[in-house]
Amino acid sequence: MIRLSTADAGFASDFTALVSARREADSGVARDVAAIIARVRDEGDAAVAELTQRFDGHDLAASGWTINLADCRAAYEALEPDLRAALDLAAARIRTYHARQRPENSDSVDDAGVRLGARWSAVAAAGVYVPGGRAAYPSSVLMNAIPAKVAGVDRLVMVTPTPKGEINPLVLAAAHIAGVDEVWRIGGAQAVAALAYGTDRIAPVDVITGPGNAWVAEAKRQLYGVVGIDMVAGPSEIVVVADGANDPEWIAADLLSQSEHDPTSQSILFTDDAGFADRVAAAVETQLTTLATEAVARAAWDANGAIILVRDFAEAMPLVDRLAAEHLELAVDNPQALFDQVRHAGSVFLGRHTPEAVGDYVAGPNHVLPTGRRARFSSGLSVLDFMKRTSFLQLDAASLAAIGPAAVALAGAEGLPAHARSVSLRLR
C-alpha cells in the first residue's frame, strides 16, 4: 500500500505515476481474443461448442444450449423469502430510477416553417453478459437487464457460462425478475462474438452490455462497431475522501469493498488527518484477516491501495478529479460542497452514511460504471445505452425557399454539384 503526502517534495511525480498506472489486460489477451472472434465469425456454432468444451468443461450437446425460462421462474420461487424480498426491492428501485431516464421525443416548427425533431426508439435486441459458475452476481443481471426492458427492447438475451455444467440459481432468479427472454449456457469471448455476429442457433443482437473478465472486456472492445457496447470495463476502483470525524472501521470496510473484487482493483483514501490515516490503515489490516476474500483483497490492497494525506480538501479535489474514479465517496459533514467541485467520477456517494456498497445493490442508480479514468468522457450504464435517436425534418415550398439557397451555396463551396442541384431544382 502506498502512503503519499502532498507536503512531500516528490509528491507530484509520485501521484502522476499512481494516476498513470495501468491495471488492464496485456497484448496477449488481445491476440487470443482476436483468434476466438475470428473462429466464431467463420465457424459459428461449431466454434462456440468446441470453445465451451475447452474453457468451461462441458458439452453443450449433452447439457443443452439454453436454460428454460421455467427453470428461471422455479429458481426465483425457491429462494429463501428474505433473499427473494431483497431482490424484489432492488429490482423495483432500479426500475423506478431508470424509468426517469427515458428521453422525450421532440417535434416543432421553427421560424422558417421547417418541421424538425427527433424520435427515440429502443434497439430491437440486446445481449447481457453475466459471469457464471459458482460466482453469484444477481445484481449485475438486474442492473443490465432492467434498463434494457425499461427502454423497450423486444428481445433480451442473457449469456452466462456454466463451468462443468454448474448453474447458479441466484442468477436465474434475477433473470426471471428482470424479464430476460433467452438464456444461453455460454460465456467468454466466444459468447460475445456469438451475440455480435450470430450463429445458426443464436440470432445476433444490436447492443451487448455486462461485466466479465479481461477476455470478455477485450472481446467487447474489438467488436465495437459490429455491435454496440456499454463500455470497456477494467478493474474496480474506489476513491474515498474522509475527514477524521469518521469511524476508521467504516472507511476501512469501504476501501476493502472494492479490493475484494479482484487483485487488480484499486482503493484510495484522501484525508487531511494523519492520525486518522494511521487508524484506517490499521483497521484495514485487522479486517483483512476476517474476510473470506482475504487473499484477493490483500493482493489488491498491497499492490494498488493508497492513502494520501492532504493539507485540506480544497487541495484534494483537483487530485480526485485527475483520478476520475469509478466510485467516489465524500464522507464529510457537507458533502455537497465537495460534490460541487467534482467534474470526473462514475458515481458519487454523499455523506458518512452512503457506502458505495449500497449502490451496488439496492439504491437505484446503475452500478455499471466507467473505470480506468474513462469517467472523464463516459457515463454509467443507462436506458440510453439501449436506445437510439432518429432525427427528422419536413419542408414545404416556402420553407425550402427560405433556407435552400444557403444549402446550394454551401454545396457549391464544397465542390458537390449534385447536392446543389437536388436543392436548386426544387427552388425553380
Protein backbone atom coordinates (compact mmCIF):
# COMPACT_ATOMS: atom_id res chain seq x y z
CA MET A 1 0.00 0.00 0.00
CA ILE A 2 1.31 3.41 -0.97
CA ARG A 3 1.45 6.32 1.51
CA LEU A 4 1.74 9.76 -0.05
CA SER A 5 1.56 13.29 1.28
CA THR A 6 1.13 16.48 -0.70
CA ALA A 7 3.75 18.01 1.61
CA ASP A 8 6.43 15.65 0.27
CA ALA A 9 8.89 17.02 -2.28
CA GLY A 10 8.31 14.18 -4.74
CA PHE A 11 4.53 14.12 -4.44
CA ALA A 12 3.75 15.46 -7.93
CA SER A 13 5.71 12.75 -9.72
CA ASP A 14 4.55 10.01 -7.34
CA PHE A 15 0.89 10.97 -7.81
CA THR A 16 1.30 11.13 -11.58
CA ALA A 17 2.68 7.59 -11.50
CA LEU A 18 -0.37 6.49 -9.49
CA VAL A 19 -2.77 8.13 -11.94
CA SER A 20 -0.98 6.69 -14.97
CA ALA A 21 -0.63 3.11 -13.70
CA ARG A 22 -2.37 0.64 -15.98
CA ARG A 23 -4.04 -2.41 -14.43
CA GLU A 24 -5.67 -3.88 -17.51
CA ALA A 25 -5.18 -6.72 -19.99
CA ASP A 26 -1.94 -7.13 -21.92
CA SER A 27 -1.42 -7.64 -25.64
CA GLY A 28 -1.52 -11.42 -25.27
CA VAL A 29 -5.18 -11.24 -24.27
CA ALA A 30 -5.96 -9.08 -27.31
CA ARG A 31 -4.28 -11.59 -29.62
CA ASP A 32 -6.10 -14.58 -28.11
CA VAL A 33 -9.46 -12.81 -28.24
CA ALA A 34 -8.99 -11.84 -31.89
CA ALA A 35 -8.46 -15.50 -32.75
CA ILE A 36 -11.57 -16.57 -30.84
CA ILE A 37 -13.70 -13.91 -32.52
CA ALA A 38 -12.49 -14.96 -35.98
CA ARG A 39 -13.34 -18.60 -35.26
CA VAL A 40 -16.87 -17.81 -34.08
CA ARG A 41 -17.46 -15.49 -37.03
CA ASP A 42 -16.31 -18.12 -39.52
CA GLU A 43 -17.41 -21.37 -37.87
CA GLY A 44 -20.43 -20.34 -35.83
CA ASP A 45 -21.97 -22.94 -33.51
CA ALA A 46 -19.14 -25.43 -34.01
CA ALA A 47 -16.58 -22.96 -32.68
CA VAL A 48 -18.80 -21.96 -29.74
CA ALA A 49 -19.33 -25.61 -28.78
CA GLU A 50 -15.63 -26.50 -29.01
CA LEU A 51 -14.51 -23.43 -27.06
CA THR A 52 -17.14 -24.05 -24.38
CA GLN A 53 -15.88 -27.62 -24.00
CA ARG A 54 -12.29 -26.36 -23.76
CA PHE A 55 -12.77 -23.45 -21.37
CA ASP A 56 -15.89 -24.40 -19.36
CA GLY A 57 -15.53 -28.17 -19.36
CA HIS A 58 -18.98 -29.17 -20.52
CA ASP A 59 -20.63 -30.46 -23.67
CA LEU A 60 -23.39 -28.18 -24.97
CA ALA A 61 -24.86 -31.05 -26.96
CA ALA A 62 -25.31 -33.02 -23.72
CA SER A 63 -26.28 -30.23 -21.33
CA GLY A 64 -28.33 -28.22 -23.79
CA TRP A 65 -27.50 -24.81 -25.20
CA THR A 66 -30.22 -22.91 -23.37
CA ILE A 67 -31.76 -22.68 -19.92
CA ASN A 68 -35.54 -22.88 -19.90
CA LEU A 69 -37.34 -19.78 -18.64
CA ALA A 70 -39.44 -22.09 -16.49
CA ASP A 71 -36.22 -23.01 -14.65
CA CYS A 72 -35.60 -19.31 -14.02
CA ARG A 73 -39.07 -18.95 -12.53
CA ALA A 74 -38.55 -22.06 -10.40
CA ALA A 75 -35.23 -20.69 -9.12
CA TYR A 76 -36.97 -17.46 -8.11
CA GLU A 77 -39.79 -19.26 -6.35
CA ALA A 78 -37.33 -21.49 -4.49
CA LEU A 79 -35.41 -18.57 -2.97
CA GLU A 80 -35.41 -18.07 0.77
CA PRO A 81 -38.10 -15.40 1.43
CA ASP A 82 -35.78 -12.70 2.76
CA LEU A 83 -33.42 -13.05 -0.20
CA ARG A 84 -36.32 -13.03 -2.66
CA ALA A 85 -37.65 -9.87 -1.00
CA ALA A 86 -34.21 -8.26 -1.24
CA LEU A 87 -34.00 -9.00 -4.97
CA ASP A 88 -37.54 -7.70 -5.49
CA LEU A 89 -36.71 -4.48 -3.62
CA ALA A 90 -33.53 -3.98 -5.64
CA ALA A 91 -35.37 -4.60 -8.92
CA ALA A 92 -38.16 -2.17 -8.04
CA ARG A 93 -35.76 0.61 -7.11
CA ILE A 94 -33.60 0.05 -10.21
CA ARG A 95 -36.70 0.04 -12.43
CA THR A 96 -38.06 3.26 -10.90
CA TYR A 97 -34.75 5.11 -11.18
CA HIS A 98 -34.19 4.11 -14.79
CA ALA A 99 -37.77 4.87 -15.84
CA ARG A 100 -36.97 8.53 -15.14
CA GLN A 101 -34.16 8.36 -17.71
CA ARG A 102 -36.44 7.70 -20.68
CA PRO A 103 -35.99 10.63 -23.09
CA GLU A 104 -38.87 12.51 -24.68
CA ASN A 105 -39.43 12.86 -28.42
CA SER A 106 -39.30 16.36 -29.89
CA ASP A 107 -41.36 17.81 -32.75
CA SER A 108 -41.57 21.51 -33.56
CA VAL A 109 -41.75 24.06 -36.39
CA ASP A 110 -39.15 26.83 -36.47
CA ASP A 111 -39.38 30.42 -37.69
CA ALA A 112 -38.57 29.39 -41.28
CA GLY A 113 -41.51 26.99 -41.30
CA VAL A 114 -39.32 23.87 -41.11
CA ARG A 115 -40.67 20.97 -39.07
CA LEU A 116 -37.87 19.21 -37.25
CA GLY A 117 -37.37 16.97 -34.29
CA ALA A 118 -36.20 13.62 -33.01
CA ARG A 119 -37.82 10.32 -32.17
CA TRP A 120 -36.35 7.86 -29.68
CA SER A 121 -36.70 4.11 -30.10
CA ALA A 122 -35.20 1.06 -28.44
CA VAL A 123 -32.84 -1.32 -30.19
CA ALA A 124 -34.59 -4.49 -31.33
CA ALA A 125 -32.34 -6.92 -29.44
CA ALA A 126 -29.80 -6.63 -26.64
CA GLY A 127 -27.41 -9.11 -25.05
CA VAL A 128 -26.38 -9.18 -21.40
CA TYR A 129 -23.23 -10.97 -20.28
CA VAL A 130 -23.35 -12.40 -16.75
CA PRO A 131 -20.44 -14.20 -15.03
CA GLY A 132 -21.48 -17.74 -14.11
CA GLY A 133 -20.49 -20.91 -12.32
CA ARG A 134 -20.01 -20.51 -8.56
CA ALA A 135 -19.92 -16.72 -8.98
CA ALA A 136 -23.26 -15.23 -7.97
CA TYR A 137 -23.93 -11.77 -9.36
CA PRO A 138 -27.72 -11.39 -9.48
CA SER A 139 -27.22 -7.64 -9.00
CA SER A 140 -25.41 -7.48 -12.35
CA VAL A 141 -28.36 -9.19 -14.04
CA LEU A 142 -30.75 -6.61 -12.62
CA MET A 143 -28.51 -3.63 -13.39
CA ASN A 144 -28.05 -4.64 -17.03
CA ALA A 145 -31.36 -6.22 -17.92
CA ILE A 146 -33.83 -3.86 -16.26
CA PRO A 147 -32.67 -0.72 -18.13
CA ALA A 148 -32.99 -2.66 -21.39
CA LYS A 149 -36.57 -3.61 -20.59
CA VAL A 150 -37.39 -0.07 -19.43
CA ALA A 151 -36.03 1.19 -22.76
CA GLY A 152 -38.42 -1.13 -24.60
CA VAL A 153 -36.03 -3.74 -26.02
CA ASP A 154 -38.09 -6.50 -27.68
CA ARG A 155 -35.60 -9.36 -27.31
CA LEU A 156 -33.30 -9.52 -24.30
CA VAL A 157 -30.72 -12.30 -24.39
CA MET A 158 -28.57 -13.39 -21.45
CA VAL A 159 -25.37 -15.41 -21.86
CA THR A 160 -23.74 -16.95 -18.81
CA PRO A 161 -21.02 -19.61 -18.62
CA THR A 162 -21.85 -22.79 -16.71
CA PRO A 163 -18.44 -24.31 -15.86
CA LYS A 164 -18.73 -28.10 -15.77
CA GLY A 165 -22.46 -27.59 -16.23
CA GLU A 166 -22.94 -25.72 -12.95
CA ILE A 167 -25.80 -23.21 -12.94
CA ASN A 168 -26.19 -20.51 -10.31
CA PRO A 169 -29.82 -20.31 -9.14
CA LEU A 170 -29.48 -16.69 -7.97
CA VAL A 171 -28.54 -15.59 -11.48
CA LEU A 172 -31.52 -17.49 -12.90
CA ALA A 173 -33.86 -15.94 -10.33
CA ALA A 174 -32.65 -12.46 -11.22
CA ALA A 175 -33.17 -13.21 -14.91
CA HIS A 176 -36.79 -14.08 -14.12
CA ILE A 177 -37.33 -10.84 -12.17
CA ALA A 178 -35.77 -8.75 -14.93
CA GLY A 179 -37.78 -10.35 -17.74
CA VAL A 180 -34.94 -11.88 -19.75
CA ASP A 181 -36.26 -13.61 -22.91
CA GLU A 182 -33.45 -16.10 -23.66
CA VAL A 183 -30.70 -17.64 -21.52
CA TRP A 184 -27.73 -19.33 -23.21
CA ARG A 185 -25.18 -21.52 -21.40
CA ILE A 186 -22.11 -19.96 -22.99
CA GLY A 187 -19.51 -17.49 -21.80
CA GLY A 188 -16.16 -15.91 -22.54
CA ALA A 189 -15.11 -14.08 -25.67
CA GLN A 190 -16.89 -16.73 -27.73
CA ALA A 191 -20.25 -15.75 -26.22
CA VAL A 192 -19.68 -12.08 -27.01
CA ALA A 193 -18.73 -12.95 -30.58
CA ALA A 194 -21.80 -15.18 -30.97
CA LEU A 195 -24.06 -12.34 -29.83
CA ALA A 196 -22.36 -9.89 -32.18
CA TYR A 197 -22.27 -11.98 -35.36
CA GLY A 198 -24.99 -14.51 -34.68
CA THR A 199 -24.78 -18.24 -35.38
CA ASP A 200 -27.23 -20.77 -36.75
CA ARG A 201 -28.67 -21.15 -33.25
CA ILE A 202 -28.21 -17.67 -31.81
CA ALA A 203 -29.67 -14.62 -33.55
CA PRO A 204 -27.42 -11.54 -33.37
CA VAL A 205 -28.16 -8.58 -31.10
CA ASP A 206 -27.68 -4.85 -31.52
CA VAL A 207 -26.09 -3.99 -28.15
CA ILE A 208 -24.03 -6.02 -25.66
CA THR A 209 -23.60 -4.99 -22.02
CA GLY A 210 -22.42 -6.60 -18.83
CA PRO A 211 -19.28 -7.37 -16.81
CA GLY A 212 -16.75 -10.09 -17.45
CA ASN A 213 -13.09 -10.97 -17.21
CA ALA A 214 -10.29 -9.49 -19.29
CA TRP A 215 -11.18 -11.68 -22.29
CA VAL A 216 -14.82 -10.60 -22.22
CA ALA A 217 -13.88 -6.92 -21.93
CA GLU A 218 -11.40 -7.25 -24.78
CA ALA A 219 -13.97 -9.02 -26.97
CA LYS A 220 -16.40 -6.16 -26.43
CA ARG A 221 -13.69 -3.65 -27.33
CA GLN A 222 -12.78 -5.47 -30.55
CA LEU A 223 -16.41 -5.93 -31.60
CA TYR A 224 -17.50 -2.34 -31.04
CA GLY A 225 -18.83 -1.16 -34.38
CA VAL A 226 -20.11 -4.60 -35.31
CA VAL A 227 -22.38 -4.21 -32.30
CA GLY A 228 -22.96 -1.50 -29.72
CA ILE A 229 -21.38 -1.94 -26.29
CA ASP A 230 -21.88 -0.26 -22.95
CA MET A 231 -18.19 0.33 -22.20
CA VAL A 232 -14.83 -1.41 -21.88
CA ALA A 233 -14.74 -2.17 -18.18
CA GLY A 234 -11.48 -2.53 -16.31
CA PRO A 235 -10.68 -3.37 -12.69
CA SER A 236 -12.90 -1.87 -9.98
CA GLU A 237 -11.80 1.25 -8.15
CA ILE A 238 -12.89 3.50 -5.32
CA VAL A 239 -11.69 6.86 -4.04
CA VAL A 240 -12.80 7.89 -0.54
CA VAL A 241 -12.47 11.44 0.73
CA ALA A 242 -12.85 11.32 4.52
CA ASP A 243 -12.03 13.53 7.49
CA GLY A 244 -11.03 12.44 10.98
CA ALA A 245 -14.61 12.54 12.28
CA ASN A 246 -15.34 9.24 10.52
CA ASP A 247 -15.19 5.84 12.14
CA PRO A 248 -11.97 4.32 10.72
CA GLU A 249 -13.63 0.88 10.69
CA TRP A 250 -16.32 2.17 8.31
CA ILE A 251 -13.81 3.68 5.91
CA ALA A 252 -11.58 0.61 6.01
CA ALA A 253 -14.58 -1.54 5.08
CA ASP A 254 -15.41 0.83 2.22
CA LEU A 255 -11.89 0.52 0.83
CA LEU A 256 -11.93 -3.26 1.09
CA SER A 257 -15.33 -3.47 -0.59
CA GLN A 258 -13.53 -2.82 -3.86
CA SER A 259 -10.26 -4.56 -3.06
CA GLU A 260 -12.07 -7.89 -2.68
CA HIS A 261 -13.33 -7.79 -6.28
CA ASP A 262 -10.03 -8.64 -7.95
CA PRO A 263 -6.26 -8.47 -7.31
CA THR A 264 -6.09 -5.57 -9.79
CA SER A 265 -8.76 -3.47 -8.01
CA GLN A 266 -7.72 -0.11 -6.59
CA SER A 267 -8.77 1.64 -3.36
CA ILE A 268 -7.54 5.13 -2.46
CA LEU A 269 -8.18 7.27 0.63
CA PHE A 270 -7.70 11.04 0.77
CA THR A 271 -7.70 12.53 4.26
CA ASP A 272 -6.49 15.69 5.98
CA ASP A 273 -5.84 13.89 9.29
CA ALA A 274 -2.59 11.93 9.63
CA GLY A 275 -3.76 10.13 12.77
CA PHE A 276 -6.96 9.06 11.04
CA ALA A 277 -4.90 7.76 8.09
CA ASP A 278 -2.96 5.55 10.52
CA ARG A 279 -6.15 4.28 12.16
CA VAL A 280 -7.70 3.38 8.79
CA ALA A 281 -4.54 1.56 7.70
CA ALA A 282 -4.59 -0.44 10.92
CA ALA A 283 -8.31 -1.20 10.54
CA VAL A 284 -7.73 -2.45 7.01
CA GLU A 285 -5.11 -4.89 8.24
CA THR A 286 -7.41 -6.14 11.01
CA GLN A 287 -10.42 -6.53 8.75
CA LEU A 288 -8.44 -8.33 6.06
CA THR A 289 -7.89 -11.27 8.41
CA THR A 290 -11.66 -11.67 8.85
CA LEU A 291 -12.57 -11.79 5.16
CA ALA A 292 -13.28 -14.97 3.24
CA THR A 293 -11.90 -12.97 0.31
CA GLU A 294 -8.68 -12.11 2.15
CA ALA A 295 -6.28 -13.44 -0.48
CA VAL A 296 -7.78 -11.35 -3.28
CA ALA A 297 -8.38 -8.26 -1.13
CA ARG A 298 -4.87 -8.31 0.34
CA ALA A 299 -3.26 -8.68 -3.07
CA ALA A 300 -5.24 -5.68 -4.36
CA TRP A 301 -4.61 -3.54 -1.29
CA ASP A 302 -0.88 -4.30 -1.18
CA ALA A 303 -0.39 -3.68 -4.90
CA ASN A 304 -2.86 -0.89 -5.64
CA GLY A 305 -4.06 0.62 -2.37
CA ALA A 306 -3.08 4.16 -1.41
CA ILE A 307 -3.57 6.62 1.44
CA ILE A 308 -2.91 10.24 0.53
CA LEU A 309 -2.54 12.93 3.17
CA VAL A 310 -3.59 16.43 2.08
CA ARG A 311 -3.42 19.77 3.81
CA ASP A 312 -7.13 20.35 3.22
CA PHE A 313 -9.86 19.12 0.89
CA ALA A 314 -9.55 22.14 -1.39
CA GLU A 315 -6.16 20.65 -2.25
CA ALA A 316 -7.62 17.15 -2.59
CA MET A 317 -10.44 17.73 -5.05
CA PRO A 318 -8.32 18.54 -8.15
CA LEU A 319 -6.35 15.37 -7.42
CA VAL A 320 -9.58 13.38 -7.12
CA ASP A 321 -10.69 14.73 -10.49
CA ARG A 322 -7.44 13.56 -12.09
CA LEU A 323 -8.19 10.02 -10.97
CA ALA A 324 -11.72 10.18 -12.48
CA ALA A 325 -12.64 7.17 -10.39
CA GLU A 326 -15.42 4.67 -10.95
CA HIS A 327 -16.71 5.24 -7.38
CA LEU A 328 -16.18 8.34 -5.24
CA GLU A 329 -17.25 8.61 -1.61
CA LEU A 330 -17.37 12.02 0.08
CA ALA A 331 -17.53 11.12 3.78
CA VAL A 332 -17.66 14.61 5.29
CA ASP A 333 -20.26 16.79 7.06
CA ASN A 334 -21.02 18.90 3.98
CA PRO A 335 -20.51 16.56 1.01
CA GLN A 336 -22.39 18.84 -1.39
CA ALA A 337 -19.66 21.48 -1.13
CA LEU A 338 -17.11 18.93 -2.35
CA PHE A 339 -19.51 17.39 -4.87
CA ASP A 340 -19.86 20.82 -6.48
CA GLN A 341 -16.15 20.63 -7.30
CA VAL A 342 -16.30 17.18 -8.92
CA ARG A 343 -16.18 17.01 -12.71
CA HIS A 344 -15.00 13.43 -13.31
CA ALA A 345 -16.45 10.43 -11.47
CA GLY A 346 -18.58 7.45 -12.42
CA SER A 347 -20.87 7.67 -9.39
CA VAL A 348 -20.62 9.77 -6.23
CA PHE A 349 -21.76 8.73 -2.74
CA LEU A 350 -22.53 11.68 -0.49
CA GLY A 351 -22.09 11.70 3.30
CA ARG A 352 -20.97 9.36 6.02
CA HIS A 353 -23.96 7.01 5.74
CA THR A 354 -23.73 6.32 2.00
CA PRO A 355 -21.30 3.45 1.48
CA GLU A 356 -20.56 2.55 -2.13
CA ALA A 357 -21.77 -0.98 -1.48
CA VAL A 358 -25.38 0.16 -1.09
CA GLY A 359 -25.17 1.50 -4.64
CA ASP A 360 -24.07 -1.91 -5.87
CA TYR A 361 -27.39 -3.42 -4.88
CA VAL A 362 -30.47 -1.50 -3.84
CA ALA A 363 -30.09 2.28 -4.19
CA GLY A 364 -31.32 2.51 -7.79
CA PRO A 365 -28.59 4.17 -9.91
CA ASN A 366 -26.67 1.77 -12.10
CA HIS A 367 -23.54 0.09 -10.79
CA VAL A 368 -22.10 -0.46 -14.28
CA LEU A 369 -19.67 2.45 -14.38
CA PRO A 370 -16.62 3.66 -16.33
CA THR A 371 -13.26 2.59 -14.95
CA GLY A 372 -9.63 3.37 -15.77
CA ARG A 373 -10.19 7.18 -15.80
CA ARG A 374 -12.87 6.82 -18.51
CA ALA A 375 -15.25 8.85 -16.36
CA ARG A 376 -13.54 11.82 -17.99
CA PHE A 377 -15.58 11.16 -21.14
CA SER A 378 -18.20 8.47 -20.43
CA SER A 379 -21.07 7.69 -18.09
CA GLY A 380 -22.56 4.71 -16.30
CA LEU A 381 -24.99 2.33 -17.98
CA SER A 382 -28.44 3.83 -18.55
CA VAL A 383 -31.64 3.41 -20.53
CA LEU A 384 -29.98 5.46 -23.29
CA ASP A 385 -27.48 2.65 -23.96
CA PHE A 386 -30.41 0.60 -25.28
CA MET A 387 -31.98 3.38 -27.34
CA LYS A 388 -31.12 5.47 -30.38
CA ARG A 389 -32.35 8.81 -31.64
CA THR A 390 -33.68 9.32 -35.17
CA SER A 391 -33.87 12.92 -36.32
CA PHE A 392 -36.46 14.04 -38.86
CA LEU A 393 -37.38 17.20 -40.77
CA GLN A 394 -40.11 18.29 -43.15
CA LEU A 395 -40.13 21.30 -45.50
CA ASP A 396 -42.71 22.76 -47.83
CA ALA A 397 -42.04 25.04 -50.81
CA ALA A 398 -41.97 28.17 -48.65
CA SER A 399 -39.57 26.79 -46.03
CA LEU A 400 -37.28 25.37 -48.72
CA ALA A 401 -37.24 28.78 -50.38
CA ALA A 402 -36.23 30.31 -47.06
CA ILE A 403 -33.20 28.11 -46.33
CA GLY A 404 -32.48 26.27 -49.61
CA PRO A 405 -30.32 28.96 -51.27
CA ALA A 406 -27.84 28.73 -48.38
CA ALA A 407 -27.62 24.96 -48.89
CA VAL A 408 -26.93 25.49 -52.62
CA ALA A 409 -24.17 27.95 -51.79
CA LEU A 410 -22.52 25.62 -49.28
CA ALA A 411 -22.74 22.62 -51.61
CA GLY A 412 -21.09 24.64 -54.34
CA ALA A 413 -18.32 25.74 -51.99
CA GLU A 414 -17.66 22.10 -51.09
CA GLY A 415 -17.48 21.06 -54.75
CA LEU A 416 -20.58 18.84 -54.66
CA PRO A 417 -22.73 19.87 -57.65
CA ALA A 418 -25.26 17.04 -57.32
CA HIS A 419 -26.01 18.18 -53.79
CA ALA A 420 -26.55 21.70 -55.04
CA ARG A 421 -28.73 20.52 -57.94
CA SER A 422 -31.01 18.39 -55.71
CA VAL A 423 -31.95 21.58 -53.86
CA SER A 424 -31.85 24.15 -56.68
CA LEU A 425 -34.18 22.14 -58.92
CA ARG A 426 -36.85 22.47 -56.27
CA LEU A 427 -36.29 26.21 -55.96
CA ARG A 428 -37.15 26.99 -59.58
